[in-house]
Amino acid sequence: MASGDFCSPGEGMEILQQVCSKQLPPCNLSEKDLLQNPHFSKLLLSLAQHVDESGLSLTLAKEQAQAWKEVRLHKTAWLRSEILQRVIQELLVDYYVKTQDTNLTSEDKKFHETLEQRLLVTELTGLLGPSREKEMPPLLGVEKADLLELMPPSEDFVWMRARLPLEVEEQLKKKCFTLLCYHDPNSDSDSETLKAAKVWKLAEILVGEKQQCQDAKSQQQEQMVLLEKKSATYSQVLLRCLALLQRLLQEHRLKTQSELDRINAQYLEIKCSAMILKLRMEELKILSDTYTTEKVEVHRLIR
């Protein structure tokens, strides 16, 4: 790198502080890289005025935020209709369960039968909409007008529609009480008034617990990152320690090798002298065993 690409320490630290203060997209840059490349640091500063911390342009980020807002609104509307649909279906299921166990009043039977008939005709009418009639002929020759004839009487429908919010409210209240008892089993023996008061605060409590779980999860992720960094640092330090131990062993062995050689030489010399003495002793023992005193006298007389 040319010397002109470097900057003075004061100017480099000023640029470094400006870059670090900006919310830039994730990039693996060190202080040394920023100090050695001041023009690249200035490019990052100018780029930070047009992008957010995720790397999107400000205009695109604004459009994305608006799109997510519309998605949440549509999702909320869909969830409301889906919940209402499921609650109505549960009302019909509970009705069939009750008909097998208890005797229902005529009004209850009339309400559930009208609701089921209206719901069924509405679903079938949706399946035989005008778009489907243009694509293919009606199924089994059934047209939309034929289904509308199966609608319940208008008086029964108006009466059912007036009663439906109360039934839905009662069903939702049971669900809320069930959720409350699951969250707080001690609330099972409370009165309905006390349960209603607790349910009113349950949403806030659940939001707080959800936030606590998210905070704990984020802290766990941070701790995992720190643990990985410490594990990597520990491995590096351990390798350096092993290298130092190996170096110390090698240096210590070279310094004491001459002393070890001298001691080994003395040991071999003493061992050799001992072997010679042992051989001389064995030789004298053989001679003493072979030539006794009488034999020596006889040899002297013969000589």
C-alpha atoms as a PDB file:
ATOM      1  CA  MET A   1       0.000   0.000   0.000  1.00  0.00           C
ATOM      2  CA  ALA A   2       1.303   3.439  -0.857  1.00  0.00           C
ATOM      3  CA  SER A   3       2.320   5.725   1.958  1.00  0.00           C
ATOM      4  CA  GLY A   4      -0.156   8.372   0.736  1.00  0.00           C
ATOM      5  CA  ASP A   5      -3.060   6.067   1.623  1.00  0.00           C
ATOM      6  CA  PHE A   6      -2.260   6.292   5.319  1.00  0.00           C
ATOM      7  CA  CYS A   7      -3.443   9.138   7.486  1.00  0.00           C
ATOM      8  CA  SER A   8      -2.162  10.782  10.611  1.00  0.00           C
ATOM      9  CA  PRO A   9      -3.116   9.198  13.950  1.00  0.00           C
ATOM     10  CA  GLY A  10      -5.309  12.149  14.939  1.00  0.00           C
ATOM     11  CA  GLU A  11      -7.208  12.215  11.655  1.00  0.00           C
ATOM     12  CA  GLY A  12      -7.468   8.423  11.592  1.00  0.00           C
ATOM     13  CA  MET A  13      -8.956   8.270  15.083  1.00  0.00           C
ATOM     14  CA  GLU A  14     -11.454  10.993  14.211  1.00  0.00           C
ATOM     15  CA  ILE A  15     -12.609   9.070  11.115  1.00  0.00           C
ATOM     16  CA  LEU A  16     -12.678   5.862  13.142  1.00  0.00           C
ATOM     17  CA  GLN A  17     -14.933   7.437  15.786  1.00  0.00           C
ATOM     18  CA  GLN A  18     -17.278   8.761  13.103  1.00  0.00           C
ATOM     19  CA  VAL A  19     -17.510   5.351  11.407  1.00  0.00           C
ATOM     20  CA  CYS A  20     -18.099   3.555  14.702  1.00  0.00           C
ATOM     21  CA  SER A  21     -20.853   6.015  15.670  1.00  0.00           C
ATOM     22  CA  LYS A  22     -22.818   5.253  12.466  1.00  0.00           C
ATOM     23  CA  GLN A  23     -25.255   2.359  12.215  1.00  0.00           C
ATOM     24  CA  LEU A  24     -23.610   0.584   9.298  1.00  0.00           C
ATOM     25  CA  PRO A  25     -24.534  -2.816   7.851  1.00  0.00           C
ATOM     26  CA  PRO A  26     -22.625  -5.757   9.400  1.00  0.00           C
ATOM     27  CA  CYS A  27     -19.046  -5.825   8.070  1.00  0.00           C
ATOM     28  CA  ASN A  28     -15.916  -7.476   9.389  1.00  0.00           C
ATOM     29  CA  LEU A  29     -13.615  -4.474   9.726  1.00  0.00           C
ATOM     30  CA  SER A  30     -11.002  -3.780  12.339  1.00  0.00           C
ATOM     31  CA  GLU A  31      -9.621  -0.476  13.575  1.00  0.00           C
ATOM     32  CA  LYS A  32      -6.404  -1.178  11.700  1.00  0.00           C
ATOM     33  CA  ASP A  33      -8.288  -1.550   8.406  1.00  0.00           C
ATOM     34  CA  LEU A  34     -10.090   1.759   8.914  1.00  0.00           C
ATOM     35  CA  LEU A  35      -6.900   3.589   9.937  1.00  0.00           C
ATOM     36  CA  GLN A  36      -4.943   2.262   6.959  1.00  0.00           C
ATOM     37  CA  ASN A  37      -7.741   3.018   4.459  1.00  0.00           C
ATOM     38  CA  PRO A  38      -9.067   6.521   5.192  1.00  0.00           C
ATOM     39  CA  HIS A  39     -10.705   6.865   1.758  1.00  0.00           C
ATOM     40  CA  PHE A  40     -12.689   3.678   2.362  1.00  0.00           C
ATOM     41  CA  SER A  41     -13.705   5.012   5.770  1.00  0.00           C
ATOM     42  CA  LYS A  42     -14.969   8.218   4.163  1.00  0.00           C
ATOM     43  CA  LEU A  43     -16.899   6.098   1.636  1.00  0.00           C
ATOM     44  CA  LEU A  44     -18.561   4.273   4.525  1.00  0.00           C
ATOM     45  CA  LEU A  45     -19.511   7.601   6.114  1.00  0.00           C
ATOM     46  CA  SER A  46     -21.131   8.819   2.907  1.00  0.00           C
ATOM     47  CA  LEU A  47     -22.843   5.459   2.403  1.00  0.00           C
ATOM     48  CA  ALA A  48     -24.320   5.566   5.916  1.00  0.00           C
ATOM     49  CA  GLN A  49     -26.407   8.597   4.893  1.00  0.00           C
ATOM     50  CA  HIS A  50     -28.298   6.520   2.299  1.00  0.00           C
ATOM     51  CA  VAL A  51     -28.710   3.074   3.924  1.00  0.00           C
ATOM     52  CA  ASP A  52     -29.934   1.819   7.273  1.00  0.00           C
ATOM     53  CA  GLU A  53     -28.240  -0.661   9.610  1.00  0.00           C
ATOM     54  CA  SER A  54     -29.682  -3.639   7.674  1.00  0.00           C
ATOM     55  CA  GLY A  55     -28.171  -2.498   4.349  1.00  0.00           C
ATOM     56  CA  LEU A  56     -31.423  -1.335   2.712  1.00  0.00           C
ATOM     57  CA  SER A  57     -31.764   2.094   1.191  1.00  0.00           C
ATOM     58  CA  LEU A  58     -33.820   4.548   3.239  1.00  0.00           C
ATOM     59  CA  THR A  59     -36.571   4.689   0.595  1.00  0.00           C
ATOM     60  CA  LEU A  60     -36.768   0.901   0.336  1.00  0.00           C
ATOM     61  CA  ALA A  61     -36.716   0.561   4.129  1.00  0.00           C
ATOM     62  CA  LYS A  62     -39.647   2.993   4.383  1.00  0.00           C
ATOM     63  CA  GLU A  63     -41.601   1.067   1.745  1.00  0.00           C
ATOM     64  CA  GLN A  64     -40.804  -2.188   3.529  1.00  0.00           C
ATOM     65  CA  ALA A  65     -42.061  -0.791   6.844  1.00  0.00           C
ATOM     66  CA  GLN A  66     -45.303   0.345   5.169  1.00  0.00           C
ATOM     67  CA  ALA A  67     -45.705  -3.074   3.542  1.00  0.00           C
ATOM     68  CA  TRP A  68     -45.232  -4.840   6.867  1.00  0.00           C
ATOM     69  CA  LYS A  69     -47.798  -2.509   8.439  1.00  0.00           C
ATOM     70  CA  GLU A  70     -50.352  -3.434   5.768  1.00  0.00           C
ATOM     71  CA  VAL A  71     -49.512  -7.126   6.216  1.00  0.00           C
ATOM     72  CA  ARG A  72     -50.148  -6.847   9.970  1.00  0.00           C
ATOM     73  CA  LEU A  73     -53.487  -5.117   9.341  1.00  0.00           C
ATOM     74  CA  HIS A  74     -54.572  -7.813   6.878  1.00  0.00           C
ATOM     75  CA  LYS A  75     -53.345 -10.496   9.267  1.00  0.00           C
ATOM     76  CA  THR A  76     -55.355  -8.978  12.119  1.00  0.00           C
ATOM     77  CA  ALA A  77     -58.507  -8.849   9.982  1.00  0.00           C
ATOM     78  CA  TRP A  78     -57.988 -12.448   8.829  1.00  0.00           C
ATOM     79  CA  LEU A  79     -57.411 -13.643  12.392  1.00  0.00           C
ATOM     80  CA  ARG A  80     -60.634 -11.986  13.535  1.00  0.00           C
ATOM     81  CA  SER A  81     -62.691 -13.687  10.841  1.00  0.00           C
ATOM     82  CA  GLU A  82     -60.883 -16.998  11.414  1.00  0.00           C
ATOM     83  CA  ILE A  83     -61.510 -16.875  15.156  1.00  0.00           C
ATOM     84  CA  LEU A  84     -65.186 -16.064  14.597  1.00  0.00           C
ATOM     85  CA  GLN A  85     -65.461 -18.941  12.101  1.00  0.00           C
ATOM     86  CA  ARG A  86     -63.885 -21.422  14.507  1.00  0.00           C
ATOM     87  CA  VAL A  87     -66.002 -20.262  17.434  1.00  0.00           C
ATOM     88  CA  ILE A  88     -69.181 -20.770  15.370  1.00  0.00           C
ATOM     89  CA  GLN A  89     -68.012 -24.250  14.349  1.00  0.00           C
ATOM     90  CA  GLU A  90     -67.285 -25.076  17.997  1.00  0.00           C
ATOM     91  CA  LEU A  91     -70.801 -23.938  18.906  1.00  0.00           C
ATOM     92  CA  LEU A  92     -72.216 -26.432  16.429  1.00  0.00           C
ATOM     93  CA  VAL A  93     -69.943 -29.218  17.686  1.00  0.00           C
ATOM     94  CA  ASP A  94     -70.947 -28.512  21.297  1.00  0.00           C
ATOM     95  CA  TYR A  95     -74.595 -28.586  20.201  1.00  0.00           C
ATOM     96  CA  TYR A  96     -74.250 -32.099  18.780  1.00  0.00           C
ATOM     97  CA  VAL A  97     -72.426 -33.244  21.918  1.00  0.00           C
ATOM     98  CA  LYS A  98     -75.165 -31.842  24.147  1.00  0.00           C
ATOM     99  CA  THR A  99     -77.928 -33.484  22.119  1.00  0.00           C
ATOM    100  CA  GLN A 100     -76.486 -36.872  23.073  1.00  0.00           C
ATOM    101  CA  ASP A 101     -76.197 -36.104  26.787  1.00  0.00           C
ATOM    102  CA  THR A 102     -79.002 -33.683  27.698  1.00  0.00           C
ATOM    103  CA  ASN A 103     -82.339 -32.516  26.406  1.00  0.00           C
ATOM    104  CA  LEU A 104     -82.117 -29.077  24.818  1.00  0.00           C
ATOM    105  CA  THR A 105     -84.917 -26.537  24.641  1.00  0.00           C
ATOM    106  CA  SER A 106     -86.735 -25.850  21.402  1.00  0.00           C
ATOM    107  CA  GLU A 107     -85.119 -22.417  21.193  1.00  0.00           C
ATOM    108  CA  ASP A 108     -81.622 -23.913  21.452  1.00  0.00           C
ATOM    109  CA  LYS A 109     -82.403 -26.441  18.743  1.00  0.00           C
ATOM    110  CA  LYS A 110     -83.908 -23.775  16.536  1.00  0.00           C
ATOM    111  CA  PHE A 111     -80.882 -21.501  17.012  1.00  0.00           C
ATOM    112  CA  HIS A 112     -78.264 -24.146  16.216  1.00  0.00           C
ATOM    113  CA  GLU A 113     -80.171 -25.616  13.280  1.00  0.00           C
ATOM    114  CA  THR A 114     -80.719 -22.158  11.763  1.00  0.00           C
ATOM    115  CA  LEU A 115     -77.056 -21.298  12.291  1.00  0.00           C
ATOM    116  CA  GLU A 116     -75.859 -24.548  10.738  1.00  0.00           C
ATOM    117  CA  GLN A 117     -78.205 -24.217   7.761  1.00  0.00           C
ATOM    118  CA  ARG A 118     -77.178 -20.629   7.130  1.00  0.00           C
ATOM    119  CA  LEU A 119     -73.474 -21.430   7.440  1.00  0.00           C
ATOM    120  CA  LEU A 120     -73.706 -24.461   5.152  1.00  0.00           C
ATOM    121  CA  VAL A 121     -75.661 -22.643   2.436  1.00  0.00           C
ATOM    122  CA  THR A 122     -73.249 -19.694   2.587  1.00  0.00           C
ATOM    123  CA  GLU A 123     -70.216 -21.968   2.160  1.00  0.00           C
ATOM    124  CA  LEU A 124     -71.780 -23.848  -0.747  1.00  0.00           C
ATOM    125  CA  THR A 125     -72.848 -20.585  -2.393  1.00  0.00           C
ATOM    126  CA  GLY A 126     -69.255 -19.411  -2.184  1.00  0.00           C
ATOM    127  CA  LEU A 127     -68.112 -22.581  -3.911  1.00  0.00           C
ATOM    128  CA  LEU A 128     -70.605 -21.965  -6.748  1.00  0.00           C
ATOM    129  CA  GLY A 129     -69.729 -18.303  -7.272  1.00  0.00           C
ATOM    130  CA  PRO A 130     -69.994 -16.513 -10.628  1.00  0.00           C
ATOM    131  CA  SER A 131     -66.300 -17.069 -11.389  1.00  0.00           C
ATOM    132  CA  ARG A 132     -66.697 -20.839 -11.106  1.00  0.00           C
ATOM    133  CA  GLU A 133     -69.815 -20.867 -13.342  1.00  0.00           C
ATOM    134  CA  LYS A 134     -67.867 -19.312 -16.194  1.00  0.00           C
ATOM    135  CA  GLU A 135     -65.004 -21.805 -15.918  1.00  0.00           C
ATOM    136  CA  MET A 136     -67.035 -25.025 -15.685  1.00  0.00           C
ATOM    137  CA  PRO A 137     -70.688 -26.120 -15.610  1.00  0.00           C
ATOM    138  CA  PRO A 138     -72.398 -26.294 -12.187  1.00  0.00           C
ATOM    139  CA  LEU A 139     -71.631 -29.376 -10.114  1.00  0.00           C
ATOM    140  CA  LEU A 140     -74.492 -31.915 -10.355  1.00  0.00           C
ATOM    141  CA  GLY A 141     -76.545 -29.241 -12.106  1.00  0.00           C
ATOM    142  CA  VAL A 142     -76.901 -27.266  -8.857  1.00  0.00           C
ATOM    143  CA  GLU A 143     -76.937 -23.513  -9.299  1.00  0.00           C
ATOM    144  CA  LYS A 144     -76.704 -20.676  -6.842  1.00  0.00           C
ATOM    145  CA  ALA A 145     -80.446 -20.017  -7.006  1.00  0.00           C
ATOM    146  CA  ASP A 146     -81.115 -23.606  -5.951  1.00  0.00           C
ATOM    147  CA  LEU A 147     -79.009 -23.150  -2.833  1.00  0.00           C
ATOM    148  CA  LEU A 148     -80.620 -19.855  -1.911  1.00  0.00           C
ATOM    149  CA  GLU A 149     -83.961 -21.637  -1.719  1.00  0.00           C
ATOM    150  CA  LEU A 150     -82.524 -23.670   1.175  1.00  0.00           C
ATOM    151  CA  MET A 151     -81.896 -20.560   3.240  1.00  0.00           C
ATOM    152  CA  PRO A 152     -83.764 -20.507   6.596  1.00  0.00           C
ATOM    153  CA  PRO A 153     -86.732 -18.133   6.906  1.00  0.00           C
ATOM    154  CA  SER A 154     -85.822 -14.488   7.286  1.00  0.00           C
ATOM    155  CA  GLU A 155     -87.553 -14.266  10.681  1.00  0.00           C
ATOM    156  CA  ASP A 156     -85.507 -17.180  12.021  1.00  0.00           C
ATOM    157  CA  PHE A 157     -82.333 -15.705  10.563  1.00  0.00           C
ATOM    158  CA  VAL A 158     -82.956 -12.307  12.191  1.00  0.00           C
ATOM    159  CA  TRP A 159     -83.682 -14.005  15.527  1.00  0.00           C
ATOM    160  CA  MET A 160     -80.563 -16.201  15.221  1.00  0.00           C
ATOM    161  CA  ARG A 161     -78.405 -13.224  14.238  1.00  0.00           C
ATOM    162  CA  ALA A 162     -79.556 -11.287  17.289  1.00  0.00           C
ATOM    163  CA  ARG A 163     -78.690 -14.187  19.610  1.00  0.00           C
ATOM    164  CA  LEU A 164     -75.399 -15.114  17.933  1.00  0.00           C
ATOM    165  CA  PRO A 165     -73.234 -12.355  19.552  1.00  0.00           C
ATOM    166  CA  LEU A 166     -74.317 -13.515  23.016  1.00  0.00           C
ATOM    167  CA  GLU A 167     -73.442 -17.126  22.217  1.00  0.00           C
ATOM    168  CA  VAL A 168     -70.105 -16.140  20.714  1.00  0.00           C
ATOM    169  CA  GLU A 169     -69.352 -13.946  23.725  1.00  0.00           C
ATOM    170  CA  GLU A 170     -70.157 -16.816  26.085  1.00  0.00           C
ATOM    171  CA  GLN A 171     -67.942 -19.194  24.100  1.00  0.00           C
ATOM    172  CA  LEU A 172     -65.057 -16.718  24.089  1.00  0.00           C
ATOM    173  CA  LYS A 173     -65.518 -16.172  27.823  1.00  0.00           C
ATOM    174  CA  LYS A 174     -65.152 -19.910  28.412  1.00  0.00           C
ATOM    175  CA  LYS A 175     -61.971 -19.931  26.337  1.00  0.00           C
ATOM    176  CA  CYS A 176     -60.577 -16.985  28.272  1.00  0.00           C
ATOM    177  CA  PHE A 177     -61.354 -18.667  31.583  1.00  0.00           C
ATOM    178  CA  THR A 178     -59.718 -21.876  30.341  1.00  0.00           C
ATOM    179  CA  LEU A 179     -56.591 -19.944  29.367  1.00  0.00           C
ATOM    180  CA  LEU A 180     -56.600 -18.158  32.725  1.00  0.00           C
ATOM    181  CA  CYS A 181     -56.821 -21.440  34.654  1.00  0.00           C
ATOM    182  CA  TYR A 182     -54.010 -22.886  32.532  1.00  0.00           C
ATOM    183  CA  HIS A 183     -51.834 -19.861  33.229  1.00  0.00           C
ATOM    184  CA  ASP A 184     -52.833 -19.652  36.903  1.00  0.00           C
ATOM    185  CA  PRO A 185     -54.275 -22.953  38.207  1.00  0.00           C
ATOM    186  CA  ASN A 186     -55.207 -21.271  41.499  1.00  0.00           C
ATOM    187  CA  SER A 187     -57.834 -19.236  39.631  1.00  0.00           C
ATOM    188  CA  ASP A 188     -59.948 -22.313  38.991  1.00  0.00           C
ATOM    189  CA  SER A 189     -61.835 -21.876  42.289  1.00  0.00           C
ATOM    190  CA  ASP A 190     -62.411 -18.119  41.864  1.00  0.00           C
ATOM    191  CA  SER A 191     -65.764 -16.574  41.068  1.00  0.00           C
ATOM    192  CA  GLU A 192     -66.657 -15.425  37.560  1.00  0.00           C
ATOM    193  CA  THR A 193     -66.311 -11.767  38.569  1.00  0.00           C
ATOM    194  CA  LEU A 194     -62.789 -12.327  39.871  1.00  0.00           C
ATOM    195  CA  LYS A 195     -61.893 -14.429  36.822  1.00  0.00           C
ATOM    196  CA  ALA A 196     -63.172 -11.654  34.537  1.00  0.00           C
ATOM    197  CA  ALA A 197     -60.998  -9.140  36.383  1.00  0.00           C
ATOM    198  CA  LYS A 198     -57.960 -11.396  36.028  1.00  0.00           C
ATOM    199  CA  VAL A 199     -58.671 -12.041  32.356  1.00  0.00           C
ATOM    200  CA  TRP A 200     -58.744  -8.276  31.793  1.00  0.00           C
ATOM    201  CA  LYS A 201     -55.108  -8.108  32.971  1.00  0.00           C
ATOM    202  CA  LEU A 202     -54.062 -11.437  31.472  1.00  0.00           C
ATOM    203  CA  ALA A 203     -53.144  -9.989  28.076  1.00  0.00           C
ATOM    204  CA  GLU A 204     -50.797  -7.459  29.677  1.00  0.00           C
ATOM    205  CA  ILE A 205     -49.241 -10.172  31.839  1.00  0.00           C
ATOM    206  CA  LEU A 206     -48.699 -12.449  28.839  1.00  0.00           C
ATOM    207  CA  VAL A 207     -47.113  -9.599  26.871  1.00  0.00           C
ATOM    208  CA  GLY A 208     -44.742  -8.953  29.780  1.00  0.00           C
ATOM    209  CA  GLU A 209     -43.834 -12.638  30.064  1.00  0.00           C
ATOM    210  CA  LYS A 210     -43.299 -12.842  26.318  1.00  0.00           C
ATOM    211  CA  GLN A 211     -40.960  -9.841  26.507  1.00  0.00           C
ATOM    212  CA  GLN A 212     -39.094 -11.469  29.388  1.00  0.00           C
ATOM    213  CA  CYS A 213     -38.697 -14.662  27.354  1.00  0.00           C
ATOM    214  CA  GLN A 214     -37.411 -12.684  24.375  1.00  0.00           C
ATOM    215  CA  ASP A 215     -34.967 -10.784  26.603  1.00  0.00           C
ATOM    216  CA  ALA A 216     -33.788 -14.033  28.163  1.00  0.00           C
ATOM    217  CA  LYS A 217     -33.389 -15.561  24.705  1.00  0.00           C
ATOM    218  CA  SER A 218     -31.365 -12.586  23.481  1.00  0.00           C
ATOM    219  CA  GLN A 219     -29.204 -12.736  26.614  1.00  0.00           C
ATOM    220  CA  GLN A 220     -28.688 -16.439  26.034  1.00  0.00           C
ATOM    221  CA  GLN A 221     -27.575 -15.743  22.463  1.00  0.00           C
ATOM    222  CA  GLU A 222     -25.173 -13.063  23.709  1.00  0.00           C
ATOM    223  CA  GLN A 223     -23.811 -15.463  26.319  1.00  0.00           C
ATOM    224  CA  MET A 224     -23.374 -18.131  23.639  1.00  0.00           C
ATOM    225  CA  VAL A 225     -21.436 -15.666  21.475  1.00  0.00           C
ATOM    226  CA  LEU A 226     -19.252 -14.720  24.455  1.00  0.00           C
ATOM    227  CA  LEU A 227     -18.752 -18.389  25.282  1.00  0.00           C
ATOM    228  CA  GLU A 228     -17.653 -19.130  21.719  1.00  0.00           C
ATOM    229  CA  LYS A 229     -15.234 -16.193  21.799  1.00  0.00           C
ATOM    230  CA  LYS A 230     -13.837 -17.293  25.162  1.00  0.00           C
ATOM    231  CA  SER A 231     -13.540 -20.873  23.933  1.00  0.00           C
ATOM    232  CA  ALA A 232     -11.607 -19.696  20.877  1.00  0.00           C
ATOM    233  CA  THR A 233      -9.392 -17.496  23.072  1.00  0.00           C
ATOM    234  CA  TYR A 234      -8.852 -20.371  25.512  1.00  0.00           C
ATOM    235  CA  SER A 235      -7.801 -22.662  22.669  1.00  0.00           C
ATOM    236  CA  GLN A 236      -5.344 -20.077  21.361  1.00  0.00           C
ATOM    237  CA  VAL A 237      -3.887 -19.489  24.838  1.00  0.00           C
ATOM    238  CA  LEU A 238      -3.618 -23.233  25.402  1.00  0.00           C
ATOM    239  CA  LEU A 239      -1.744 -23.674  22.122  1.00  0.00           C
ATOM    240  CA  ARG A 240       0.640 -20.860  23.068  1.00  0.00           C
ATOM    241  CA  CYS A 241       1.237 -22.460  26.466  1.00  0.00           C
ATOM    242  CA  LEU A 242       1.985 -25.807  24.851  1.00  0.00           C
ATOM    243  CA  ALA A 243       4.403 -24.122  22.456  1.00  0.00           C
ATOM    244  CA  LEU A 244       6.178 -22.421  25.374  1.00  0.00           C
ATOM    245  CA  LEU A 245       6.388 -25.704  27.290  1.00  0.00           C
ATOM    246  CA  GLN A 246       7.840 -27.443  24.262  1.00  0.00           C
ATOM    247  CA  ARG A 247      10.344 -24.651  23.822  1.00  0.00           C
ATOM    248  CA  LEU A 248      11.366 -24.820  27.494  1.00  0.00           C
ATOM    249  CA  LEU A 249      11.788 -28.579  27.296  1.00  0.00           C
ATOM    250  CA  GLN A 250      13.941 -28.308  24.217  1.00  0.00           C
ATOM    251  CA  GLU A 251      16.134 -25.550  25.659  1.00  0.00           C
ATOM    252  CA  HIS A 252      16.472 -27.300  29.027  1.00  0.00           C
ATOM    253  CA  ARG A 253      17.370 -30.573  27.351  1.00  0.00           C
ATOM    254  CA  LEU A 254      20.116 -28.954  25.231  1.00  0.00           C
ATOM    255  CA  LYS A 255      21.659 -27.301  28.293  1.00  0.00           C
ATOM    256  CA  THR A 256      21.718 -30.480  30.377  1.00  0.00           C
ATOM    257  CA  GLN A 257      22.695 -32.878  27.587  1.00  0.00           C
ATOM    258  CA  SER A 258      26.444 -32.491  28.215  1.00  0.00           C
ATOM    259  CA  GLU A 259      26.007 -33.136  31.938  1.00  0.00           C
ATOM    260  CA  LEU A 260      23.905 -36.213  31.152  1.00  0.00           C
ATOM    261  CA  ASP A 261      26.590 -37.473  28.744  1.00  0.00           C
ATOM    262  CA  ARG A 262      29.323 -37.040  31.386  1.00  0.00           C
ATOM    263  CA  ILE A 263      27.292 -38.897  33.997  1.00  0.00           C
ATOM    264  CA  ASN A 264      26.538 -41.681  31.519  1.00  0.00           C
ATOM    265  CA  ALA A 265      30.246 -41.969  30.645  1.00  0.00           C
ATOM    266  CA  GLN A 266      31.198 -42.260  34.325  1.00  0.00           C
ATOM    267  CA  TYR A 267      28.507 -44.853  34.849  1.00  0.00           C
ATOM    268  CA  LEU A 268      29.721 -46.919  31.896  1.00  0.00           C
ATOM    269  CA  GLU A 269      33.333 -46.616  33.070  1.00  0.00           C
ATOM    270  CA  ILE A 270      32.481 -47.817  36.573  1.00  0.00           C
ATOM    271  CA  LYS A 271      30.325 -50.601  35.154  1.00  0.00           C
ATOM    272  CA  CYS A 272      33.194 -51.701  32.893  1.00  0.00           C
ATOM    273  CA  SER A 273      35.643 -51.772  35.826  1.00  0.00           C
ATOM    274  CA  ALA A 274      33.184 -53.818  37.845  1.00  0.00           C
ATOM    275  CA  MET A 275      32.840 -56.303  34.981  1.00  0.00           C
ATOM    276  CA  ILE A 276      36.632 -56.639  34.743  1.00  0.00           C
ATOM    277  CA  LEU A 277      36.897 -57.295  38.480  1.00  0.00           C
ATOM    278  CA  LYS A 278      34.102 -59.811  38.268  1.00  0.00           C
ATOM    279  CA  LEU A 279      35.854 -61.624  35.433  1.00  0.00           C
ATOM    280  CA  ARG A 280      39.128 -61.663  37.444  1.00  0.00           C
ATOM    281  CA  MET A 281      37.257 -63.050  40.434  1.00  0.00           C
ATOM    282  CA  GLU A 282      35.684 -65.773  38.303  1.00  0.00           C
ATOM    283  CA  GLU A 283      39.108 -66.618  36.900  1.00  0.00           C
ATOM    284  CA  LEU A 284      40.663 -66.882  40.367  1.00  0.00           C
ATOM    285  CA  LYS A 285      37.740 -68.971  41.565  1.00  0.00           C
ATOM    286  CA  ILE A 286      38.200 -71.406  38.672  1.00  0.00           C
ATOM    287  CA  LEU A 287      41.930 -71.656  39.416  1.00  0.00           C
ATOM    288  CA  SER A 288      41.322 -72.196  43.115  1.00  0.00           C
ATOM    289  CA  ASP A 289      38.763 -74.884  42.374  1.00  0.00           C
ATOM    290  CA  THR A 290      41.000 -76.597  39.829  1.00  0.00           C
ATOM    291  CA  TYR A 291      44.293 -76.523  41.755  1.00  0.00           C
ATOM    292  CA  THR A 292      43.876 -77.486  45.363  1.00  0.00           C
ATOM    293  CA  THR A 293      46.736 -77.400  47.940  1.00  0.00           C
ATOM    294  CA  GLU A 294      47.611 -81.085  47.481  1.00  0.00           C
ATOM    295  CA  LYS A 295      47.746 -80.713  43.685  1.00  0.00           C
ATOM    296  CA  VAL A 296      50.041 -77.722  44.006  1.00  0.00           C
ATOM    297  CA  GLU A 297      52.432 -79.738  46.230  1.00  0.00           C
ATOM    298  CA  VAL A 298      52.442 -82.645  43.801  1.00  0.00           C
ATOM    299  CA  HIS A 299      53.238 -80.313  40.879  1.00  0.00           C
ATOM    300  CA  ARG A 300      56.065 -78.758  42.900  1.00  0.00           C
ATOM    301  CA  LEU A 301      57.565 -82.229  43.629  1.00  0.00           C
ATOM    302  CA  ILE A 302      57.245 -83.222  39.980  1.00  0.00           C
ATOM    303  CA  ARG A 303      58.955 -80.037  38.919  1.00  0.00           C
END
